[in-house]
Amino acid sequence: MSPAEPQTDTTYELLYWPSIPGRGEFVRLAFEITGTPYRDVSNEQEDGVQEMTSLISSKSTSSSPLFAPPLLRVSHPGAEGKLVIHQTPNILIFLAGKLGLDGGNNEASQAVARQIMLTALDLNNEAHDTHHPVALMEYYEDQKDEALKKAIDFRKNRIPKFFGYFERALKANDSTGHGKYLVGDKASIADIVVWQVLDGLKFAFPKEISAREKEFPVLYGTFYPAFKDQAGIKEYLASSRRMKYSHGVFRYYPELDRQD
């Protein structure tokens, strides 16, 4: 079931770093699952990165400044100028109402979808910090000892804490979501973000996740495979548009994974 009919009268452009999924992947998934046309600027045009960085570094006083990618640029027929916004959760909340990914028609379900999404983004950030626990601008090799300490705590304490929350959310929505959806009976921004983080963690910590999957049978036994099989997502994951994990948020360092 597609959450919404794609809006063909609006132009959406994602501006993010090329060749990596990163935080831009959450935005791509929102477009792909709804069949909404969009441009992935840095991956589709030669000067895409320069266009993105120039928007961020602009000192124009005619619009609100932008801090960091991903950026979403939106234009409507007949409108003067284009809306450009940043911050991953801000972009997703904006798109949720446009594309039918907001979690339902009432404030309570929409609030639940947003809080699950934000919690999953917290986990996303913590996963990133396992390989850059001290300084973002220094190489992993310069902070390996600290990264190992961070990764051990992340695997032992943080992964089961977050996974337990997602498992409980799926069970709380079982009467309508049947383990496939975190809120209501169709995909929302909560499902998109949780699934992407689960998938990234399988890449970054394959032994740890393999050992823990059985502890969360709904999360990894029902939700995870069901999301992959949805119309739009299945085709996207098999396409060249789905970029491989490498040196983005989720990175595989064998020494940070479970050792037994």
C-alpha atoms as a PDB file:
ATOM      1  CA  MET A   1       0.000   0.000   0.000  1.00  0.00           C
ATOM      2  CA  SER A   2       1.535   3.308  -1.022  1.00  0.00           C
ATOM      3  CA  PRO A   3       1.109   5.920   1.724  1.00  0.00           C
ATOM      4  CA  ALA A   4       0.139   8.662  -0.716  1.00  0.00           C
ATOM      5  CA  GLU A   5      -0.180   9.481  -4.361  1.00  0.00           C
ATOM      6  CA  PRO A   6       3.003  11.214  -5.531  1.00  0.00           C
ATOM      7  CA  GLN A   7       2.728  14.958  -5.987  1.00  0.00           C
ATOM      8  CA  THR A   8       3.683  15.743  -9.556  1.00  0.00           C
ATOM      9  CA  ASP A   9       3.157  19.507  -9.321  1.00  0.00           C
ATOM     10  CA  THR A  10       6.027  20.025  -6.873  1.00  0.00           C
ATOM     11  CA  THR A  11       9.735  19.687  -7.604  1.00  0.00           C
ATOM     12  CA  TYR A  12      11.888  18.159  -4.876  1.00  0.00           C
ATOM     13  CA  GLU A  13      15.679  18.300  -4.918  1.00  0.00           C
ATOM     14  CA  LEU A  14      17.895  16.578  -2.365  1.00  0.00           C
ATOM     15  CA  LEU A  15      21.314  18.124  -1.868  1.00  0.00           C
ATOM     16  CA  TYR A  16      23.714  15.858  -0.010  1.00  0.00           C
ATOM     17  CA  TRP A  17      27.184  14.367  -0.311  1.00  0.00           C
ATOM     18  CA  PRO A  18      27.548  12.023  -3.300  1.00  0.00           C
ATOM     19  CA  SER A  19      28.246   8.288  -3.237  1.00  0.00           C
ATOM     20  CA  ILE A  20      27.221   7.589   0.382  1.00  0.00           C
ATOM     21  CA  PRO A  21      23.817   6.860   1.940  1.00  0.00           C
ATOM     22  CA  GLY A  22      24.436   8.976   5.044  1.00  0.00           C
ATOM     23  CA  ARG A  23      21.662  11.073   6.543  1.00  0.00           C
ATOM     24  CA  GLY A  24      20.405  11.847   3.068  1.00  0.00           C
ATOM     25  CA  GLU A  25      19.216   8.249   2.810  1.00  0.00           C
ATOM     26  CA  PHE A  26      16.279   8.896   5.134  1.00  0.00           C
ATOM     27  CA  VAL A  27      15.041  11.517   2.674  1.00  0.00           C
ATOM     28  CA  ARG A  28      15.581   9.268  -0.339  1.00  0.00           C
ATOM     29  CA  LEU A  29      13.547   6.505   1.294  1.00  0.00           C
ATOM     30  CA  ALA A  30      10.640   8.893   1.867  1.00  0.00           C
ATOM     31  CA  PHE A  31      10.546   9.670  -1.843  1.00  0.00           C
ATOM     32  CA  GLU A  32      11.098   6.092  -2.984  1.00  0.00           C
ATOM     33  CA  ILE A  33       8.407   4.502  -0.812  1.00  0.00           C
ATOM     34  CA  THR A  34       5.812   7.004  -2.040  1.00  0.00           C
ATOM     35  CA  GLY A  35       6.889   6.969  -5.683  1.00  0.00           C
ATOM     36  CA  THR A  36       7.570  10.683  -5.552  1.00  0.00           C
ATOM     37  CA  PRO A  37       9.888  12.048  -8.271  1.00  0.00           C
ATOM     38  CA  TYR A  38      12.969  13.842  -6.954  1.00  0.00           C
ATOM     39  CA  ARG A  39      16.433  14.894  -8.002  1.00  0.00           C
ATOM     40  CA  ASP A  40      19.500  13.697  -6.106  1.00  0.00           C
ATOM     41  CA  VAL A  41      21.552  16.696  -7.148  1.00  0.00           C
ATOM     42  CA  SER A  42      25.082  15.720  -6.102  1.00  0.00           C
ATOM     43  CA  ASN A  43      24.712  12.286  -7.673  1.00  0.00           C
ATOM     44  CA  GLU A  44      23.076  13.550 -10.860  1.00  0.00           C
ATOM     45  CA  GLN A  45      25.065  16.607 -11.868  1.00  0.00           C
ATOM     46  CA  GLU A  46      28.784  17.246 -12.040  1.00  0.00           C
ATOM     47  CA  ASP A  47      28.766  20.431 -10.004  1.00  0.00           C
ATOM     48  CA  GLY A  48      26.181  19.200  -7.487  1.00  0.00           C
ATOM     49  CA  VAL A  49      28.509  19.328  -4.488  1.00  0.00           C
ATOM     50  CA  GLN A  50      29.616  22.856  -5.328  1.00  0.00           C
ATOM     51  CA  GLU A  51      26.001  23.917  -5.636  1.00  0.00           C
ATOM     52  CA  MET A  52      25.267  22.467  -2.212  1.00  0.00           C
ATOM     53  CA  THR A  53      28.270  24.003  -0.489  1.00  0.00           C
ATOM     54  CA  SER A  54      27.625  27.400  -2.043  1.00  0.00           C
ATOM     55  CA  LEU A  55      24.119  27.393  -0.590  1.00  0.00           C
ATOM     56  CA  ILE A  56      25.503  26.596   2.857  1.00  0.00           C
ATOM     57  CA  SER A  57      28.273  29.179   2.701  1.00  0.00           C
ATOM     58  CA  SER A  58      26.084  31.932   1.255  1.00  0.00           C
ATOM     59  CA  LYS A  59      26.134  35.177   3.226  1.00  0.00           C
ATOM     60  CA  SER A  60      22.921  36.438   1.685  1.00  0.00           C
ATOM     61  CA  THR A  61      20.627  38.205   4.134  1.00  0.00           C
ATOM     62  CA  SER A  62      17.535  37.560   2.035  1.00  0.00           C
ATOM     63  CA  SER A  63      16.963  34.054   3.414  1.00  0.00           C
ATOM     64  CA  SER A  64      17.643  32.072   6.558  1.00  0.00           C
ATOM     65  CA  PRO A  65      21.172  30.615   6.616  1.00  0.00           C
ATOM     66  CA  LEU A  66      21.741  26.897   6.152  1.00  0.00           C
ATOM     67  CA  PHE A  67      24.038  24.908   8.420  1.00  0.00           C
ATOM     68  CA  ALA A  68      24.752  21.497   6.880  1.00  0.00           C
ATOM     69  CA  PRO A  69      23.385  18.862   4.496  1.00  0.00           C
ATOM     70  CA  PRO A  70      21.079  17.231   3.805  1.00  0.00           C
ATOM     71  CA  LEU A  71      19.222  20.129   2.245  1.00  0.00           C
ATOM     72  CA  LEU A  72      15.814  19.901   0.608  1.00  0.00           C
ATOM     73  CA  ARG A  73      14.952  22.382  -2.126  1.00  0.00           C
ATOM     74  CA  VAL A  74      11.278  22.655  -3.017  1.00  0.00           C
ATOM     75  CA  SER A  75       9.653  24.584  -5.827  1.00  0.00           C
ATOM     76  CA  HIS A  76       6.008  24.973  -6.817  1.00  0.00           C
ATOM     77  CA  PRO A  77       4.593  25.997 -10.209  1.00  0.00           C
ATOM     78  CA  GLY A  78       4.097  29.739 -10.336  1.00  0.00           C
ATOM     79  CA  ALA A  79       5.855  30.373  -7.026  1.00  0.00           C
ATOM     80  CA  GLU A  80       8.576  32.976  -6.765  1.00  0.00           C
ATOM     81  CA  GLY A  81      11.801  31.487  -5.452  1.00  0.00           C
ATOM     82  CA  LYS A  82      12.396  28.110  -3.855  1.00  0.00           C
ATOM     83  CA  LEU A  83      12.104  26.860  -0.300  1.00  0.00           C
ATOM     84  CA  VAL A  84      15.359  25.393   1.014  1.00  0.00           C
ATOM     85  CA  ILE A  85      15.417  23.701   4.419  1.00  0.00           C
ATOM     86  CA  HIS A  86      17.940  21.617   6.344  1.00  0.00           C
ATOM     87  CA  GLN A  87      18.084  19.277   9.366  1.00  0.00           C
ATOM     88  CA  THR A  88      17.079  15.676   8.659  1.00  0.00           C
ATOM     89  CA  PRO A  89      14.129  15.518  11.115  1.00  0.00           C
ATOM     90  CA  ASN A  90      12.873  18.895   9.897  1.00  0.00           C
ATOM     91  CA  ILE A  91      12.930  17.676   6.287  1.00  0.00           C
ATOM     92  CA  LEU A  92      11.172  14.428   7.194  1.00  0.00           C
ATOM     93  CA  ILE A  93       8.443  16.172   9.186  1.00  0.00           C
ATOM     94  CA  PHE A  94       7.937  18.564   6.266  1.00  0.00           C
ATOM     95  CA  LEU A  95       7.660  15.684   3.782  1.00  0.00           C
ATOM     96  CA  ALA A  96       5.510  13.564   6.080  1.00  0.00           C
ATOM     97  CA  GLY A  97       2.547  15.891   5.707  1.00  0.00           C
ATOM     98  CA  LYS A  98       3.057  16.248   1.962  1.00  0.00           C
ATOM     99  CA  LEU A  99       3.518  12.560   1.144  1.00  0.00           C
ATOM    100  CA  GLY A 100       1.213  10.854   3.641  1.00  0.00           C
ATOM    101  CA  LEU A 101       3.985   9.613   5.924  1.00  0.00           C
ATOM    102  CA  ASP A 102       2.872  11.435   9.065  1.00  0.00           C
ATOM    103  CA  GLY A 103       1.464   8.424  10.923  1.00  0.00           C
ATOM    104  CA  GLY A 104      -2.249   9.091  10.544  1.00  0.00           C
ATOM    105  CA  ASN A 105      -4.956  11.711  10.657  1.00  0.00           C
ATOM    106  CA  ASN A 106      -4.868  12.577  14.348  1.00  0.00           C
ATOM    107  CA  GLU A 107      -2.395  14.511  16.458  1.00  0.00           C
ATOM    108  CA  ALA A 108      -1.703  11.621  18.813  1.00  0.00           C
ATOM    109  CA  SER A 109      -0.532   9.195  16.112  1.00  0.00           C
ATOM    110  CA  GLN A 110       1.466  11.912  14.366  1.00  0.00           C
ATOM    111  CA  ALA A 111       3.214  12.754  17.628  1.00  0.00           C
ATOM    112  CA  VAL A 112       4.048   9.082  18.169  1.00  0.00           C
ATOM    113  CA  ALA A 113       5.494   8.796  14.657  1.00  0.00           C
ATOM    114  CA  ARG A 114       7.679  11.845  15.238  1.00  0.00           C
ATOM    115  CA  GLN A 115       8.929  10.693  18.627  1.00  0.00           C
ATOM    116  CA  ILE A 116       9.878   7.251  17.309  1.00  0.00           C
ATOM    117  CA  MET A 117      11.615   8.877  14.334  1.00  0.00           C
ATOM    118  CA  LEU A 118      13.578  11.249  16.584  1.00  0.00           C
ATOM    119  CA  THR A 119      14.577   8.392  18.888  1.00  0.00           C
ATOM    120  CA  ALA A 120      15.861   6.383  15.921  1.00  0.00           C
ATOM    121  CA  LEU A 121      17.856   9.394  14.748  1.00  0.00           C
ATOM    122  CA  ASP A 122      19.428   9.528  18.212  1.00  0.00           C
ATOM    123  CA  LEU A 123      20.527   5.926  17.691  1.00  0.00           C
ATOM    124  CA  ASN A 124      21.830   6.878  14.259  1.00  0.00           C
ATOM    125  CA  ASN A 125      23.998   9.586  15.826  1.00  0.00           C
ATOM    126  CA  GLU A 126      25.279   7.256  18.534  1.00  0.00           C
ATOM    127  CA  ALA A 127      26.255   4.705  15.882  1.00  0.00           C
ATOM    128  CA  HIS A 128      28.262   7.368  14.093  1.00  0.00           C
ATOM    129  CA  ASP A 129      30.004   8.345  17.328  1.00  0.00           C
ATOM    130  CA  THR A 130      31.369   4.830  17.820  1.00  0.00           C
ATOM    131  CA  HIS A 131      34.010   5.560  15.191  1.00  0.00           C
ATOM    132  CA  HIS A 132      34.387   9.286  15.956  1.00  0.00           C
ATOM    133  CA  PRO A 133      33.923   9.542  19.731  1.00  0.00           C
ATOM    134  CA  VAL A 134      36.400  12.363  20.356  1.00  0.00           C
ATOM    135  CA  ALA A 135      36.647  14.688  17.348  1.00  0.00           C
ATOM    136  CA  LEU A 136      34.659  14.731  14.126  1.00  0.00           C
ATOM    137  CA  MET A 137      37.462  16.363  12.171  1.00  0.00           C
ATOM    138  CA  GLU A 138      40.087  13.784  13.119  1.00  0.00           C
ATOM    139  CA  TYR A 139      40.541  10.402  11.468  1.00  0.00           C
ATOM    140  CA  TYR A 140      39.283   7.196  13.068  1.00  0.00           C
ATOM    141  CA  GLU A 141      42.883   6.023  13.268  1.00  0.00           C
ATOM    142  CA  ASP A 142      43.644   8.946  15.610  1.00  0.00           C
ATOM    143  CA  GLN A 143      41.023   7.857  18.152  1.00  0.00           C
ATOM    144  CA  LYS A 144      40.936   4.077  17.912  1.00  0.00           C
ATOM    145  CA  ASP A 145      41.335   3.410  21.634  1.00  0.00           C
ATOM    146  CA  GLU A 146      38.452   5.724  22.511  1.00  0.00           C
ATOM    147  CA  ALA A 147      36.373   4.281  19.650  1.00  0.00           C
ATOM    148  CA  LEU A 148      36.783   0.768  21.032  1.00  0.00           C
ATOM    149  CA  LYS A 149      35.570   1.850  24.471  1.00  0.00           C
ATOM    150  CA  LYS A 150      32.637   3.671  22.893  1.00  0.00           C
ATOM    151  CA  ALA A 151      31.733   0.703  20.675  1.00  0.00           C
ATOM    152  CA  ILE A 152      31.754  -1.760  23.570  1.00  0.00           C
ATOM    153  CA  ASP A 153      29.336   0.388  25.553  1.00  0.00           C
ATOM    154  CA  PHE A 154      27.220   0.991  22.451  1.00  0.00           C
ATOM    155  CA  ARG A 155      26.891  -2.707  21.719  1.00  0.00           C
ATOM    156  CA  LYS A 156      26.372  -3.786  25.327  1.00  0.00           C
ATOM    157  CA  ASN A 157      24.027  -1.062  26.557  1.00  0.00           C
ATOM    158  CA  ARG A 158      22.733   1.255  23.877  1.00  0.00           C
ATOM    159  CA  ILE A 159      21.687  -1.178  21.122  1.00  0.00           C
ATOM    160  CA  PRO A 160      19.465  -3.314  23.397  1.00  0.00           C
ATOM    161  CA  LYS A 161      17.967  -0.196  25.020  1.00  0.00           C
ATOM    162  CA  PHE A 162      16.897   1.290  21.678  1.00  0.00           C
ATOM    163  CA  PHE A 163      15.875  -2.049  20.155  1.00  0.00           C
ATOM    164  CA  GLY A 164      13.752  -2.811  23.215  1.00  0.00           C
ATOM    165  CA  TYR A 165      11.909   0.472  22.733  1.00  0.00           C
ATOM    166  CA  PHE A 166      11.230  -0.220  19.040  1.00  0.00           C
ATOM    167  CA  GLU A 167      10.075  -3.760  19.864  1.00  0.00           C
ATOM    168  CA  ARG A 168       7.616  -2.393  22.439  1.00  0.00           C
ATOM    169  CA  ALA A 169       6.346   0.187  19.962  1.00  0.00           C
ATOM    170  CA  LEU A 170       5.663  -2.516  17.379  1.00  0.00           C
ATOM    171  CA  LYS A 171       3.825  -4.631  19.938  1.00  0.00           C
ATOM    172  CA  ALA A 172       1.770  -1.631  21.092  1.00  0.00           C
ATOM    173  CA  ASN A 173       0.631  -1.149  17.490  1.00  0.00           C
ATOM    174  CA  ASP A 174       0.092  -4.852  16.788  1.00  0.00           C
ATOM    175  CA  SER A 175      -3.692  -4.614  16.381  1.00  0.00           C
ATOM    176  CA  THR A 176      -3.331  -2.341  13.350  1.00  0.00           C
ATOM    177  CA  GLY A 177       0.303  -2.660  12.282  1.00  0.00           C
ATOM    178  CA  HIS A 178       0.662  -6.449  12.769  1.00  0.00           C
ATOM    179  CA  GLY A 179       4.375  -6.054  13.414  1.00  0.00           C
ATOM    180  CA  LYS A 180       4.912  -4.392  10.041  1.00  0.00           C
ATOM    181  CA  TYR A 181       4.295  -0.774  11.024  1.00  0.00           C
ATOM    182  CA  LEU A 182       5.265   1.226  14.081  1.00  0.00           C
ATOM    183  CA  VAL A 183       2.277   3.583  13.832  1.00  0.00           C
ATOM    184  CA  GLY A 184      -1.069   2.874  12.193  1.00  0.00           C
ATOM    185  CA  ASP A 185      -1.488   0.547   9.235  1.00  0.00           C
ATOM    186  CA  LYS A 186       0.875   2.035   6.670  1.00  0.00           C
ATOM    187  CA  ALA A 187       4.421   3.325   6.437  1.00  0.00           C
ATOM    188  CA  SER A 188       5.401   6.531   8.178  1.00  0.00           C
ATOM    189  CA  ILE A 189       8.567   8.494   8.857  1.00  0.00           C
ATOM    190  CA  ALA A 190       8.992   6.315  11.951  1.00  0.00           C
ATOM    191  CA  ASP A 191       9.251   3.138   9.855  1.00  0.00           C
ATOM    192  CA  ILE A 192      11.616   4.742   7.356  1.00  0.00           C
ATOM    193  CA  VAL A 193      14.115   5.925   9.944  1.00  0.00           C
ATOM    194  CA  VAL A 194      13.997   2.857  12.180  1.00  0.00           C
ATOM    195  CA  TRP A 195      14.469   0.516   9.225  1.00  0.00           C
ATOM    196  CA  GLN A 196      17.402   2.467   7.795  1.00  0.00           C
ATOM    197  CA  VAL A 197      19.179   2.486  11.147  1.00  0.00           C
ATOM    198  CA  LEU A 198      18.586  -1.257  11.589  1.00  0.00           C
ATOM    199  CA  ASP A 199      19.986  -1.879   8.140  1.00  0.00           C
ATOM    200  CA  GLY A 200      23.018   0.302   8.749  1.00  0.00           C
ATOM    201  CA  LEU A 201      23.768  -1.446  12.019  1.00  0.00           C
ATOM    202  CA  LYS A 202      23.698  -4.819  10.268  1.00  0.00           C
ATOM    203  CA  PHE A 203      26.513  -3.510   8.086  1.00  0.00           C
ATOM    204  CA  ALA A 204      28.526  -1.817  10.827  1.00  0.00           C
ATOM    205  CA  PHE A 205      28.123  -4.499  13.517  1.00  0.00           C
ATOM    206  CA  PRO A 206      27.191  -7.729  11.701  1.00  0.00           C
ATOM    207  CA  LYS A 207      28.209 -10.126  14.479  1.00  0.00           C
ATOM    208  CA  GLU A 208      26.517  -8.081  17.194  1.00  0.00           C
ATOM    209  CA  ILE A 209      23.263  -7.756  15.293  1.00  0.00           C
ATOM    210  CA  SER A 210      23.265 -11.416  14.268  1.00  0.00           C
ATOM    211  CA  ALA A 211      23.606 -12.382  17.921  1.00  0.00           C
ATOM    212  CA  ARG A 212      20.825 -10.035  19.043  1.00  0.00           C
ATOM    213  CA  GLU A 213      18.192 -10.521  16.340  1.00  0.00           C
ATOM    214  CA  LYS A 214      16.541 -13.372  18.229  1.00  0.00           C
ATOM    215  CA  GLU A 215      16.087 -11.093  21.257  1.00  0.00           C
ATOM    216  CA  PHE A 216      13.807  -8.843  19.202  1.00  0.00           C
ATOM    217  CA  PRO A 217      11.667 -11.191  17.093  1.00  0.00           C
ATOM    218  CA  VAL A 218       9.137  -8.606  15.933  1.00  0.00           C
ATOM    219  CA  LEU A 219      11.694  -5.943  15.090  1.00  0.00           C
ATOM    220  CA  TYR A 220      14.009  -8.126  13.015  1.00  0.00           C
ATOM    221  CA  GLY A 221      11.716 -11.086  12.327  1.00  0.00           C
ATOM    222  CA  THR A 222       8.686  -9.217  11.011  1.00  0.00           C
ATOM    223  CA  PHE A 223       9.269  -5.477  10.677  1.00  0.00           C
ATOM    224  CA  TYR A 224      12.694  -5.487   9.040  1.00  0.00           C
ATOM    225  CA  PRO A 225      11.925  -7.913   6.168  1.00  0.00           C
ATOM    226  CA  ALA A 226       8.405  -6.546   5.645  1.00  0.00           C
ATOM    227  CA  PHE A 227       9.689  -3.029   5.072  1.00  0.00           C
ATOM    228  CA  LYS A 228      12.195  -4.238   2.474  1.00  0.00           C
ATOM    229  CA  ASP A 229       9.432  -5.988   0.567  1.00  0.00           C
ATOM    230  CA  GLN A 230       7.165  -2.956   0.178  1.00  0.00           C
ATOM    231  CA  ALA A 231       6.415  -1.540  -3.249  1.00  0.00           C
ATOM    232  CA  GLY A 232       8.897   1.158  -4.096  1.00  0.00           C
ATOM    233  CA  ILE A 233      11.436   0.057  -1.512  1.00  0.00           C
ATOM    234  CA  LYS A 234      12.046  -3.385  -3.021  1.00  0.00           C
ATOM    235  CA  GLU A 235      12.728  -1.859  -6.422  1.00  0.00           C
ATOM    236  CA  TYR A 236      14.881   0.898  -4.945  1.00  0.00           C
ATOM    237  CA  LEU A 237      17.084  -1.468  -2.962  1.00  0.00           C
ATOM    238  CA  ALA A 238      17.770  -3.460  -6.124  1.00  0.00           C
ATOM    239  CA  SER A 239      18.626  -0.341  -8.140  1.00  0.00           C
ATOM    240  CA  SER A 240      21.838   1.628  -8.592  1.00  0.00           C
ATOM    241  CA  ARG A 241      20.219   4.536  -6.758  1.00  0.00           C
ATOM    242  CA  ARG A 242      20.725   2.675  -3.467  1.00  0.00           C
ATOM    243  CA  MET A 243      24.327   3.445  -2.603  1.00  0.00           C
ATOM    244  CA  LYS A 244      26.531   1.067  -0.650  1.00  0.00           C
ATOM    245  CA  TYR A 245      27.669   1.759   2.879  1.00  0.00           C
ATOM    246  CA  SER A 246      31.273   2.904   3.034  1.00  0.00           C
ATOM    247  CA  HIS A 247      32.579   5.923   4.939  1.00  0.00           C
ATOM    248  CA  GLY A 248      29.359   7.591   5.978  1.00  0.00           C
ATOM    249  CA  VAL A 249      27.446   7.204   9.219  1.00  0.00           C
ATOM    250  CA  PHE A 250      27.739   3.410   9.217  1.00  0.00           C
ATOM    251  CA  ARG A 251      31.264   2.062   8.842  1.00  0.00           C
ATOM    252  CA  TYR A 252      32.546  -1.458   9.321  1.00  0.00           C
ATOM    253  CA  TYR A 253      35.584  -1.820  11.523  1.00  0.00           C
ATOM    254  CA  PRO A 254      35.949  -5.489  12.569  1.00  0.00           C
ATOM    255  CA  GLU A 255      37.687  -4.553  15.809  1.00  0.00           C
ATOM    256  CA  LEU A 256      34.617  -2.578  16.950  1.00  0.00           C
ATOM    257  CA  ASP A 257      32.235  -5.488  16.401  1.00  0.00           C
ATOM    258  CA  ARG A 258      31.536  -8.384  18.778  1.00  0.00           C
ATOM    259  CA  GLN A 259      34.592 -10.592  19.120  1.00  0.00           C
ATOM    260  CA  ASP A 260      33.078 -13.871  20.343  1.00  0.00           C
END
